[in-house]
Amino acid sequence: MSIVFEQSPRSSMWMKLVHLLVAVCVSGALVFAGWFVDDLFARIVIGAFVLIGFAMSIATFRDMMVYARADGIWRVEINSLYVIWQSPVERLFRSFRIKIEDIASLRFVQVRSGGTKSRTLKREFFIHLNTGQTMQIPAQEGGIWVHDVFEVLEKQGVRYDHEHLRSKDFEPQKKSFEIIPMEAWTN
């Protein structure tokens, strides 16, 4: 019996549109605030943040257009042998297939940065293989909520660890996992 998750790339496009609107609004507010500031240093700092906001807007717009032009859907199939993650946007997230028996464990790390009252969170998802290799699954670019997929794998007997760390305690994983492109898969 297979369990299948499907999602349209259009939903990711709309989320990117919201991010784009936020970046444009913040940049616009900074430009507006710059008119009321007389200090040269403050104007330079505001200008730097406006440029950063502009660069983020361009990058978000490009990603949004990639999602808009995508053919197909995000599709994750979990059967008794494989996890098959198909992506309609290979540029942002490459499709892959992994044997379930090759998965040593799954790991979710929620990283909190800043002070004790900080709400800045970063979510990291990892697949650790029996060979010692690790694959990071980006939560934002994978199309399907990774936690749901990992919970299904946990029900099939794969260990799933949850960690909550501060940014100073988190050591990023080195990408050591080679993704086999879908066209090279053999049945």
N, C-alpha and C. Protein backbone atom coordinates (compact mmCIF):
# COMPACT_ATOMS: atom_id res chain seq x y z
N MET A 1 0.84 -1.18 0.00
CA MET A 1 0.00 0.00 0.00
C MET A 1 0.88 1.25 0.00
N SER A 2 0.61 2.15 -0.89
CA SER A 2 1.39 3.40 -1.00
C SER A 2 0.64 4.55 -0.33
N ILE A 3 1.42 5.42 0.26
CA ILE A 3 0.88 6.67 0.79
C ILE A 3 1.43 7.77 -0.09
N VAL A 4 0.55 8.64 -0.58
CA VAL A 4 0.94 9.67 -1.54
C VAL A 4 0.55 11.04 -1.02
N PHE A 5 1.50 11.97 -1.11
CA PHE A 5 1.25 13.39 -0.83
C PHE A 5 1.42 14.13 -2.15
N GLU A 6 0.49 15.03 -2.46
CA GLU A 6 0.58 15.82 -3.69
C GLU A 6 0.28 17.28 -3.38
N GLN A 7 0.97 18.15 -4.10
CA GLN A 7 0.78 19.60 -3.92
C GLN A 7 1.12 20.30 -5.22
N SER A 8 0.37 21.30 -5.55
CA SER A 8 0.62 22.07 -6.76
C SER A 8 1.75 23.08 -6.52
N PRO A 9 2.59 23.32 -7.53
CA PRO A 9 3.62 24.35 -7.36
C PRO A 9 3.01 25.75 -7.28
N ARG A 10 1.76 25.89 -7.68
CA ARG A 10 1.09 27.20 -7.59
C ARG A 10 0.96 27.65 -6.15
N SER A 11 0.74 26.71 -5.22
CA SER A 11 0.63 27.10 -3.81
C SER A 11 1.95 27.68 -3.31
N SER A 12 3.07 27.10 -3.75
CA SER A 12 4.38 27.65 -3.38
C SER A 12 4.58 29.02 -4.02
N MET A 13 4.04 29.19 -5.24
CA MET A 13 4.15 30.47 -5.92
C MET A 13 3.43 31.56 -5.13
N TRP A 14 2.25 31.24 -4.60
CA TRP A 14 1.51 32.24 -3.83
C TRP A 14 2.24 32.58 -2.53
N MET A 15 2.87 31.60 -1.92
CA MET A 15 3.64 31.88 -0.71
C MET A 15 4.82 32.80 -1.04
N LYS A 16 5.49 32.54 -2.17
CA LYS A 16 6.59 33.41 -2.59
C LYS A 16 6.08 34.82 -2.89
N LEU A 17 4.86 34.93 -3.43
CA LEU A 17 4.27 36.25 -3.70
C LEU A 17 4.08 37.03 -2.41
N VAL A 18 3.64 36.35 -1.36
CA VAL A 18 3.49 37.01 -0.06
C VAL A 18 4.85 37.50 0.43
N HIS A 19 5.89 36.66 0.30
CA HIS A 19 7.25 37.07 0.71
C HIS A 19 7.71 38.28 -0.10
N LEU A 20 7.41 38.28 -1.39
CA LEU A 20 7.77 39.40 -2.26
C LEU A 20 7.08 40.68 -1.82
N LEU A 21 5.80 40.61 -1.52
CA LEU A 21 5.07 41.79 -1.07
C LEU A 21 5.62 42.33 0.24
N VAL A 22 5.98 41.46 1.14
CA VAL A 22 6.57 41.89 2.41
C VAL A 22 7.89 42.61 2.17
N ALA A 23 8.75 42.03 1.32
CA ALA A 23 10.05 42.65 1.02
C ALA A 23 9.87 44.02 0.36
N VAL A 24 8.91 44.13 -0.56
CA VAL A 24 8.67 45.40 -1.23
C VAL A 24 8.12 46.44 -0.25
N CYS A 25 7.19 46.02 0.61
CA CYS A 25 6.62 46.96 1.59
C CYS A 25 7.67 47.46 2.58
N VAL A 26 8.51 46.56 3.06
CA VAL A 26 9.56 46.96 4.01
C VAL A 26 10.55 47.91 3.32
N SER A 27 10.94 47.59 2.10
CA SER A 27 11.86 48.46 1.37
C SER A 27 11.23 49.83 1.13
N GLY A 28 9.96 49.83 0.76
CA GLY A 28 9.25 51.10 0.55
C GLY A 28 9.16 51.91 1.82
N ALA A 29 8.89 51.26 2.94
CA ALA A 29 8.82 51.97 4.23
C ALA A 29 10.18 52.55 4.59
N LEU A 30 11.26 51.84 4.29
CA LEU A 30 12.60 52.36 4.57
C LEU A 30 12.92 53.58 3.70
N VAL A 31 12.52 53.51 2.43
CA VAL A 31 12.73 54.67 1.55
C VAL A 31 11.95 55.87 2.08
N PHE A 32 10.73 55.63 2.49
CA PHE A 32 9.90 56.71 3.05
C PHE A 32 10.53 57.27 4.32
N ALA A 33 11.03 56.40 5.19
CA ALA A 33 11.67 56.85 6.44
C ALA A 33 12.94 57.63 6.15
N GLY A 34 13.61 57.29 5.05
CA GLY A 34 14.85 57.99 4.69
C GLY A 34 14.64 59.47 4.41
N TRP A 35 13.44 59.85 3.99
CA TRP A 35 13.15 61.27 3.73
C TRP A 35 13.16 62.10 5.01
N PHE A 36 12.88 61.48 6.14
CA PHE A 36 12.78 62.20 7.40
C PHE A 36 14.05 62.16 8.23
N VAL A 37 15.08 61.50 7.72
CA VAL A 37 16.34 61.37 8.45
C VAL A 37 17.35 62.36 7.88
N ASP A 38 17.96 63.14 8.78
CA ASP A 38 18.94 64.14 8.34
C ASP A 38 20.38 63.65 8.44
N ASP A 39 20.61 62.64 9.22
CA ASP A 39 21.95 62.15 9.45
C ASP A 39 22.45 61.34 8.25
N LEU A 40 23.65 61.65 7.76
CA LEU A 40 24.21 60.97 6.59
C LEU A 40 24.44 59.49 6.86
N PHE A 41 24.99 59.15 8.03
CA PHE A 41 25.24 57.75 8.36
C PHE A 41 23.94 56.94 8.38
N ALA A 42 22.90 57.52 8.96
CA ALA A 42 21.60 56.82 9.01
C ALA A 42 21.06 56.61 7.60
N ARG A 43 21.25 57.57 6.72
CA ARG A 43 20.79 57.41 5.34
C ARG A 43 21.57 56.31 4.61
N ILE A 44 22.86 56.22 4.91
CA ILE A 44 23.68 55.16 4.31
C ILE A 44 23.20 53.78 4.78
N VAL A 45 22.93 53.66 6.09
CA VAL A 45 22.45 52.40 6.64
C VAL A 45 21.09 52.04 6.03
N ILE A 46 20.19 53.01 5.97
CA ILE A 46 18.87 52.78 5.37
C ILE A 46 19.02 52.39 3.90
N GLY A 47 19.91 53.06 3.18
CA GLY A 47 20.16 52.73 1.78
C GLY A 47 20.66 51.31 1.61
N ALA A 48 21.54 50.87 2.52
CA ALA A 48 22.05 49.49 2.46
C ALA A 48 20.92 48.49 2.65
N PHE A 49 20.04 48.77 3.62
CA PHE A 49 18.91 47.87 3.84
C PHE A 49 17.93 47.88 2.68
N VAL A 50 17.76 49.02 2.03
CA VAL A 50 16.90 49.09 0.85
C VAL A 50 17.49 48.24 -0.28
N LEU A 51 18.81 48.31 -0.46
CA LEU A 51 19.45 47.48 -1.49
C LEU A 51 19.31 45.99 -1.18
N ILE A 52 19.45 45.63 0.08
CA ILE A 52 19.27 44.22 0.47
C ILE A 52 17.83 43.80 0.20
N GLY A 53 16.88 44.64 0.56
CA GLY A 53 15.47 44.35 0.29
C GLY A 53 15.19 44.22 -1.20
N PHE A 54 15.82 45.06 -1.99
CA PHE A 54 15.66 45.00 -3.44
C PHE A 54 16.23 43.69 -3.99
N ALA A 55 17.40 43.30 -3.51
CA ALA A 55 18.01 42.04 -3.95
C ALA A 55 17.16 40.85 -3.55
N MET A 56 16.61 40.86 -2.34
CA MET A 56 15.74 39.79 -1.90
C MET A 56 14.47 39.74 -2.74
N SER A 57 13.96 40.91 -3.11
CA SER A 57 12.75 40.96 -3.94
C SER A 57 13.01 40.34 -5.31
N ILE A 58 14.15 40.63 -5.89
CA ILE A 58 14.49 40.06 -7.20
C ILE A 58 14.62 38.54 -7.11
N ALA A 59 15.31 38.05 -6.09
CA ALA A 59 15.49 36.60 -5.93
C ALA A 59 14.14 35.92 -5.70
N THR A 60 13.30 36.51 -4.89
CA THR A 60 11.97 35.94 -4.63
C THR A 60 11.12 35.95 -5.89
N PHE A 61 11.20 37.03 -6.66
CA PHE A 61 10.44 37.12 -7.90
C PHE A 61 10.88 36.04 -8.89
N ARG A 62 12.19 35.81 -8.97
CA ARG A 62 12.70 34.75 -9.86
C ARG A 62 12.16 33.38 -9.45
N ASP A 63 12.23 33.08 -8.15
CA ASP A 63 11.70 31.80 -7.66
C ASP A 63 10.20 31.69 -7.94
N MET A 64 9.49 32.79 -7.74
CA MET A 64 8.05 32.80 -7.99
C MET A 64 7.75 32.48 -9.45
N MET A 65 8.53 33.03 -10.35
CA MET A 65 8.32 32.78 -11.78
C MET A 65 8.66 31.33 -12.14
N VAL A 66 9.66 30.75 -11.48
CA VAL A 66 9.99 29.35 -11.71
C VAL A 66 8.81 28.47 -11.31
N TYR A 67 8.22 28.76 -10.15
CA TYR A 67 7.05 28.01 -9.70
C TYR A 67 5.87 28.20 -10.66
N ALA A 68 5.68 29.42 -11.15
CA ALA A 68 4.56 29.70 -12.05
C ALA A 68 4.68 28.92 -13.36
N ARG A 69 5.90 28.69 -13.83
CA ARG A 69 6.12 27.98 -15.11
C ARG A 69 6.25 26.47 -14.94
N ALA A 70 6.20 25.99 -13.72
CA ALA A 70 6.44 24.56 -13.46
C ALA A 70 5.32 23.71 -14.04
N ASP A 71 5.74 22.60 -14.65
CA ASP A 71 4.79 21.61 -15.14
C ASP A 71 4.75 20.46 -14.14
N GLY A 72 3.58 19.97 -13.86
CA GLY A 72 3.47 18.84 -12.94
C GLY A 72 3.14 19.29 -11.54
N ILE A 73 3.33 18.37 -10.60
CA ILE A 73 3.02 18.63 -9.20
C ILE A 73 4.13 18.07 -8.32
N TRP A 74 4.16 18.54 -7.06
CA TRP A 74 5.01 17.90 -6.07
C TRP A 74 4.32 16.59 -5.74
N ARG A 75 5.06 15.52 -5.72
CA ARG A 75 4.46 14.22 -5.41
C ARG A 75 5.46 13.41 -4.59
N VAL A 76 5.02 13.01 -3.42
CA VAL A 76 5.83 12.14 -2.57
C VAL A 76 5.05 10.85 -2.39
N GLU A 77 5.68 9.75 -2.78
CA GLU A 77 5.06 8.43 -2.62
C GLU A 77 5.93 7.61 -1.69
N ILE A 78 5.27 7.02 -0.69
CA ILE A 78 5.96 6.13 0.24
C ILE A 78 5.30 4.77 0.11
N ASN A 79 6.06 3.80 -0.37
CA ASN A 79 5.55 2.44 -0.45
C ASN A 79 6.39 1.55 0.46
N SER A 80 6.23 0.27 0.36
CA SER A 80 6.95 -0.64 1.27
C SER A 80 8.45 -0.67 1.02
N LEU A 81 8.89 -0.21 -0.16
CA LEU A 81 10.32 -0.26 -0.49
C LEU A 81 11.00 1.10 -0.58
N TYR A 82 10.31 2.10 -1.11
CA TYR A 82 10.95 3.37 -1.46
C TYR A 82 10.20 4.59 -0.92
N VAL A 83 10.98 5.68 -0.81
CA VAL A 83 10.44 7.03 -0.70
C VAL A 83 10.79 7.68 -2.03
N ILE A 84 9.77 8.12 -2.76
CA ILE A 84 9.98 8.74 -4.07
C ILE A 84 9.45 10.17 -3.99
N TRP A 85 10.36 11.13 -4.11
CA TRP A 85 10.01 12.55 -4.01
C TRP A 85 10.20 13.17 -5.39
N GLN A 86 9.10 13.49 -6.06
CA GLN A 86 9.15 14.06 -7.40
C GLN A 86 8.89 15.56 -7.32
N SER A 87 9.71 16.31 -7.98
CA SER A 87 9.64 17.77 -7.96
C SER A 87 9.37 18.30 -9.37
N PRO A 88 8.41 19.22 -9.49
CA PRO A 88 8.20 19.86 -10.79
C PRO A 88 9.20 20.98 -11.05
N VAL A 89 9.98 21.32 -10.05
CA VAL A 89 10.92 22.44 -10.13
C VAL A 89 12.31 21.91 -9.80
N GLU A 90 12.94 21.26 -10.76
CA GLU A 90 14.25 20.63 -10.53
C GLU A 90 15.33 21.65 -10.19
N ARG A 91 15.17 22.88 -10.64
CA ARG A 91 16.17 23.91 -10.37
C ARG A 91 16.25 24.23 -8.89
N LEU A 92 15.12 24.20 -8.20
CA LEU A 92 15.09 24.55 -6.78
C LEU A 92 15.14 23.34 -5.86
N PHE A 93 14.63 22.21 -6.35
CA PHE A 93 14.60 21.01 -5.53
C PHE A 93 14.64 19.80 -6.45
N ARG A 94 15.68 18.99 -6.35
CA ARG A 94 15.85 17.84 -7.25
C ARG A 94 15.06 16.65 -6.73
N SER A 95 14.43 15.94 -7.65
CA SER A 95 13.70 14.72 -7.32
C SER A 95 14.68 13.64 -6.86
N PHE A 96 14.18 12.72 -6.02
CA PHE A 96 15.03 11.63 -5.59
C PHE A 96 14.20 10.40 -5.22
N ARG A 97 14.88 9.29 -5.08
CA ARG A 97 14.28 8.03 -4.65
C ARG A 97 15.28 7.36 -3.70
N ILE A 98 14.78 6.92 -2.55
CA ILE A 98 15.62 6.27 -1.55
C ILE A 98 14.92 4.99 -1.10
N LYS A 99 15.68 3.92 -0.96
CA LYS A 99 15.13 2.70 -0.36
C LYS A 99 14.93 2.96 1.13
N ILE A 100 13.79 2.55 1.65
CA ILE A 100 13.51 2.76 3.08
C ILE A 100 14.50 2.00 3.94
N GLU A 101 14.93 0.83 3.50
CA GLU A 101 15.89 0.04 4.28
C GLU A 101 17.26 0.72 4.36
N ASP A 102 17.55 1.67 3.46
CA ASP A 102 18.82 2.39 3.48
C ASP A 102 18.81 3.59 4.42
N ILE A 103 17.66 3.93 4.98
CA ILE A 103 17.54 5.10 5.86
C ILE A 103 17.85 4.66 7.29
N ALA A 104 18.89 5.27 7.88
CA ALA A 104 19.25 4.96 9.27
C ALA A 104 18.33 5.72 10.23
N SER A 105 18.12 7.02 9.96
CA SER A 105 17.25 7.82 10.81
C SER A 105 16.86 9.10 10.09
N LEU A 106 15.85 9.73 10.65
CA LEU A 106 15.37 11.03 10.19
C LEU A 106 15.56 12.01 11.33
N ARG A 107 15.81 13.25 10.99
CA ARG A 107 16.08 14.23 12.05
C ARG A 107 15.43 15.56 11.71
N PHE A 108 14.72 16.12 12.68
CA PHE A 108 14.14 17.45 12.58
C PHE A 108 14.80 18.31 13.65
N VAL A 109 15.38 19.42 13.22
CA VAL A 109 16.03 20.34 14.16
C VAL A 109 15.36 21.70 14.03
N GLN A 110 14.89 22.19 15.15
CA GLN A 110 14.33 23.53 15.19
C GLN A 110 15.37 24.40 15.89
N VAL A 111 15.91 25.36 15.13
CA VAL A 111 17.00 26.20 15.63
C VAL A 111 16.44 27.57 15.98
N ARG A 112 16.67 27.99 17.21
CA ARG A 112 16.22 29.30 17.67
C ARG A 112 17.43 30.21 17.80
N SER A 113 17.34 31.38 17.21
CA SER A 113 18.46 32.32 17.30
C SER A 113 18.02 33.53 18.11
N GLY A 114 19.00 34.26 18.60
CA GLY A 114 18.71 35.47 19.35
C GLY A 114 18.67 35.21 20.84
N GLY A 115 18.00 36.11 21.54
CA GLY A 115 17.92 36.05 23.00
C GLY A 115 16.91 35.03 23.48
N THR A 116 16.65 35.07 24.79
CA THR A 116 15.74 34.10 25.40
C THR A 116 14.30 34.30 24.94
N LYS A 117 13.93 35.51 24.56
CA LYS A 117 12.55 35.77 24.12
C LYS A 117 12.43 35.80 22.60
N SER A 118 13.46 35.41 21.92
CA SER A 118 13.47 35.46 20.46
C SER A 118 12.51 34.44 19.87
N ARG A 119 11.84 34.82 18.81
CA ARG A 119 10.92 33.92 18.12
C ARG A 119 11.46 33.53 16.74
N THR A 120 12.70 33.88 16.44
CA THR A 120 13.28 33.55 15.15
C THR A 120 13.61 32.07 15.12
N LEU A 121 12.91 31.34 14.25
CA LEU A 121 13.10 29.90 14.18
C LEU A 121 13.54 29.49 12.78
N LYS A 122 14.35 28.47 12.74
CA LYS A 122 14.79 27.89 11.49
C LYS A 122 14.54 26.39 11.61
N ARG A 123 13.92 25.82 10.60
CA ARG A 123 13.62 24.39 10.63
C ARG A 123 14.53 23.66 9.65
N GLU A 124 15.16 22.62 10.12
CA GLU A 124 16.07 21.82 9.29
C GLU A 124 15.61 20.37 9.35
N PHE A 125 15.56 19.72 8.18
CA PHE A 125 15.17 18.32 8.08
C PHE A 125 16.32 17.54 7.43
N PHE A 126 16.64 16.37 7.99
CA PHE A 126 17.75 15.58 7.49
C PHE A 126 17.35 14.11 7.36
N ILE A 127 17.87 13.47 6.32
CA ILE A 127 17.77 12.03 6.17
C ILE A 127 19.19 11.48 6.31
N HIS A 128 19.39 10.62 7.30
CA HIS A 128 20.70 10.00 7.53
C HIS A 128 20.63 8.57 6.99
N LEU A 129 21.57 8.23 6.14
CA LEU A 129 21.59 6.90 5.53
C LEU A 129 22.50 5.95 6.31
N ASN A 130 22.32 4.68 6.10
CA ASN A 130 23.15 3.66 6.75
C ASN A 130 24.63 3.80 6.37
N THR A 131 24.91 4.41 5.22
CA THR A 131 26.30 4.58 4.76
C THR A 131 27.01 5.73 5.46
N GLY A 132 26.28 6.47 6.30
CA GLY A 132 26.87 7.63 6.96
C GLY A 132 26.62 8.93 6.23
N GLN A 133 26.05 8.86 5.05
CA GLN A 133 25.74 10.07 4.29
C GLN A 133 24.48 10.73 4.85
N THR A 134 24.40 12.06 4.61
CA THR A 134 23.27 12.84 5.10
C THR A 134 22.71 13.68 3.96
N MET A 135 21.41 13.76 3.92
CA MET A 135 20.74 14.61 2.94
C MET A 135 19.86 15.59 3.68
N GLN A 136 19.98 16.87 3.33
CA GLN A 136 19.13 17.90 3.92
C GLN A 136 17.95 18.14 2.99
N ILE A 137 16.74 18.14 3.55
CA ILE A 137 15.53 18.43 2.79
C ILE A 137 15.09 19.84 3.16
N PRO A 138 15.13 20.77 2.22
CA PRO A 138 14.70 22.14 2.55
C PRO A 138 13.20 22.20 2.80
N ALA A 139 12.82 22.73 3.94
CA ALA A 139 11.40 22.80 4.30
C ALA A 139 10.62 23.70 3.35
N GLN A 140 11.23 24.76 2.86
CA GLN A 140 10.52 25.71 2.02
C GLN A 140 10.43 25.29 0.56
N GLU A 141 11.42 24.58 0.06
CA GLU A 141 11.48 24.29 -1.37
C GLU A 141 10.98 22.90 -1.74
N GLY A 142 10.66 22.07 -0.75
CA GLY A 142 10.28 20.70 -1.04
C GLY A 142 8.85 20.51 -1.49
N GLY A 143 8.01 21.55 -1.43
CA GLY A 143 6.65 21.47 -1.91
C GLY A 143 5.68 20.81 -0.96
N ILE A 144 6.09 19.76 -0.32
CA ILE A 144 5.28 18.99 0.62
C ILE A 144 5.86 19.24 2.01
N TRP A 145 5.00 19.35 3.02
CA TRP A 145 5.51 19.57 4.37
C TRP A 145 6.28 18.32 4.80
N VAL A 146 7.56 18.47 5.03
CA VAL A 146 8.50 17.38 5.27
C VAL A 146 8.12 16.60 6.53
N HIS A 147 7.67 17.28 7.54
CA HIS A 147 7.31 16.64 8.81
C HIS A 147 6.24 15.56 8.60
N ASP A 148 5.26 15.82 7.73
CA ASP A 148 4.22 14.82 7.45
C ASP A 148 4.81 13.56 6.83
N VAL A 149 5.73 13.76 5.90
CA VAL A 149 6.39 12.62 5.24
C VAL A 149 7.20 11.84 6.27
N PHE A 150 7.94 12.54 7.11
CA PHE A 150 8.77 11.88 8.11
C PHE A 150 7.92 11.10 9.12
N GLU A 151 6.75 11.63 9.47
CA GLU A 151 5.87 10.92 10.41
C GLU A 151 5.38 9.59 9.82
N VAL A 152 5.08 9.57 8.53
CA VAL A 152 4.67 8.32 7.87
C VAL A 152 5.83 7.33 7.89
N LEU A 153 7.04 7.81 7.62
CA LEU A 153 8.20 6.92 7.66
C LEU A 153 8.46 6.39 9.08
N GLU A 154 8.20 7.24 10.07
CA GLU A 154 8.36 6.80 11.46
C GLU A 154 7.39 5.65 11.76
N LYS A 155 6.16 5.73 11.24
CA LYS A 155 5.18 4.66 11.44
C LYS A 155 5.62 3.37 10.75
N GLN A 156 6.49 3.49 9.76
CA GLN A 156 7.02 2.31 9.08
C GLN A 156 8.30 1.79 9.74
N GLY A 157 8.67 2.35 10.88
CA GLY A 157 9.79 1.83 11.65
C GLY A 157 11.09 2.60 11.53
N VAL A 158 11.11 3.73 10.83
CA VAL A 158 12.34 4.53 10.72
C VAL A 158 12.40 5.48 11.92
N ARG A 159 13.54 5.52 12.59
CA ARG A 159 13.71 6.39 13.75
C ARG A 159 13.63 7.85 13.33
N TYR A 160 12.86 8.65 14.06
CA TYR A 160 12.65 10.07 13.75
C TYR A 160 12.94 10.88 15.01
N ASP A 161 14.05 11.63 14.99
CA ASP A 161 14.47 12.41 16.14
C ASP A 161 14.07 13.87 15.97
N HIS A 162 13.62 14.48 17.07
CA HIS A 162 13.26 15.90 17.10
C HIS A 162 14.21 16.60 18.06
N GLU A 163 14.76 17.72 17.63
CA GLU A 163 15.67 18.48 18.50
C GLU A 163 15.30 19.95 18.45
N HIS A 164 15.45 20.62 19.57
CA HIS A 164 15.26 22.06 19.65
C HIS A 164 16.56 22.64 20.19
N LEU A 165 17.24 23.43 19.36
CA LEU A 165 18.56 23.94 19.71
C LEU A 165 18.62 25.45 19.56
N ARG A 166 19.57 26.03 20.24
CA ARG A 166 19.90 27.44 20.01
C ARG A 166 20.90 27.47 18.85
N SER A 167 20.98 28.58 18.16
CA SER A 167 21.83 28.66 16.97
C SER A 167 23.29 28.40 17.30
N LYS A 168 23.75 28.76 18.50
CA LYS A 168 25.15 28.53 18.86
C LYS A 168 25.46 27.05 19.06
N ASP A 169 24.42 26.22 19.34
CA ASP A 169 24.62 24.79 19.56
C ASP A 169 24.42 23.97 18.29
N PHE A 170 23.92 24.59 17.23
CA PHE A 170 23.61 23.86 16.00
C PHE A 170 24.80 23.87 15.07
N GLU A 171 25.21 22.69 14.66
CA GLU A 171 26.29 22.56 13.68
C GLU A 171 25.67 22.12 12.36
N PRO A 172 25.73 22.97 11.34
CA PRO A 172 25.13 22.59 10.05
C PRO A 172 25.76 21.32 9.50
N GLN A 173 24.94 20.52 8.84
CA GLN A 173 25.41 19.28 8.24
C GLN A 173 26.08 19.58 6.92
N LYS A 174 27.14 18.87 6.64
CA LYS A 174 27.76 18.98 5.33
C LYS A 174 26.95 18.12 4.36
N LYS A 175 26.70 18.63 3.19
CA LYS A 175 25.93 17.88 2.21
C LYS A 175 26.83 16.80 1.62
N SER A 176 26.49 15.55 1.94
CA SER A 176 27.33 14.45 1.47
C SER A 176 26.50 13.43 0.72
N PHE A 177 25.33 13.79 0.31
CA PHE A 177 24.41 12.84 -0.30
C PHE A 177 24.25 13.18 -1.77
N GLU A 178 24.48 12.20 -2.62
CA GLU A 178 24.35 12.41 -4.05
C GLU A 178 22.95 12.02 -4.48
N ILE A 179 22.20 12.97 -5.03
CA ILE A 179 20.84 12.69 -5.49
C ILE A 179 20.92 12.16 -6.90
N ILE A 180 20.29 11.02 -7.13
CA ILE A 180 20.26 10.44 -8.47
C ILE A 180 19.09 11.07 -9.23
N PRO A 181 19.35 11.72 -10.36
CA PRO A 181 18.26 12.34 -11.12
C PRO A 181 17.23 11.29 -11.55
N MET A 182 15.96 11.70 -11.62
CA MET A 182 14.88 10.77 -11.93
C MET A 182 15.10 10.06 -13.26
N GLU A 183 15.62 10.75 -14.25
CA GLU A 183 15.79 10.10 -15.55
C GLU A 183 16.82 8.97 -15.52
N ALA A 184 17.66 8.92 -14.49
CA ALA A 184 18.66 7.86 -14.37
C ALA A 184 18.18 6.69 -13.51
N TRP A 185 16.95 6.76 -13.00
CA TRP A 185 16.45 5.69 -12.15
C TRP A 185 16.19 4.44 -12.96
N THR A 186 16.44 3.33 -12.35
CA THR A 186 16.08 2.05 -12.95
C THR A 186 15.04 1.40 -12.06
N ASN A 187 14.16 0.66 -12.63
CA ASN A 187 13.11 0.00 -11.84
C ASN A 187 13.54 -1.37 -11.35
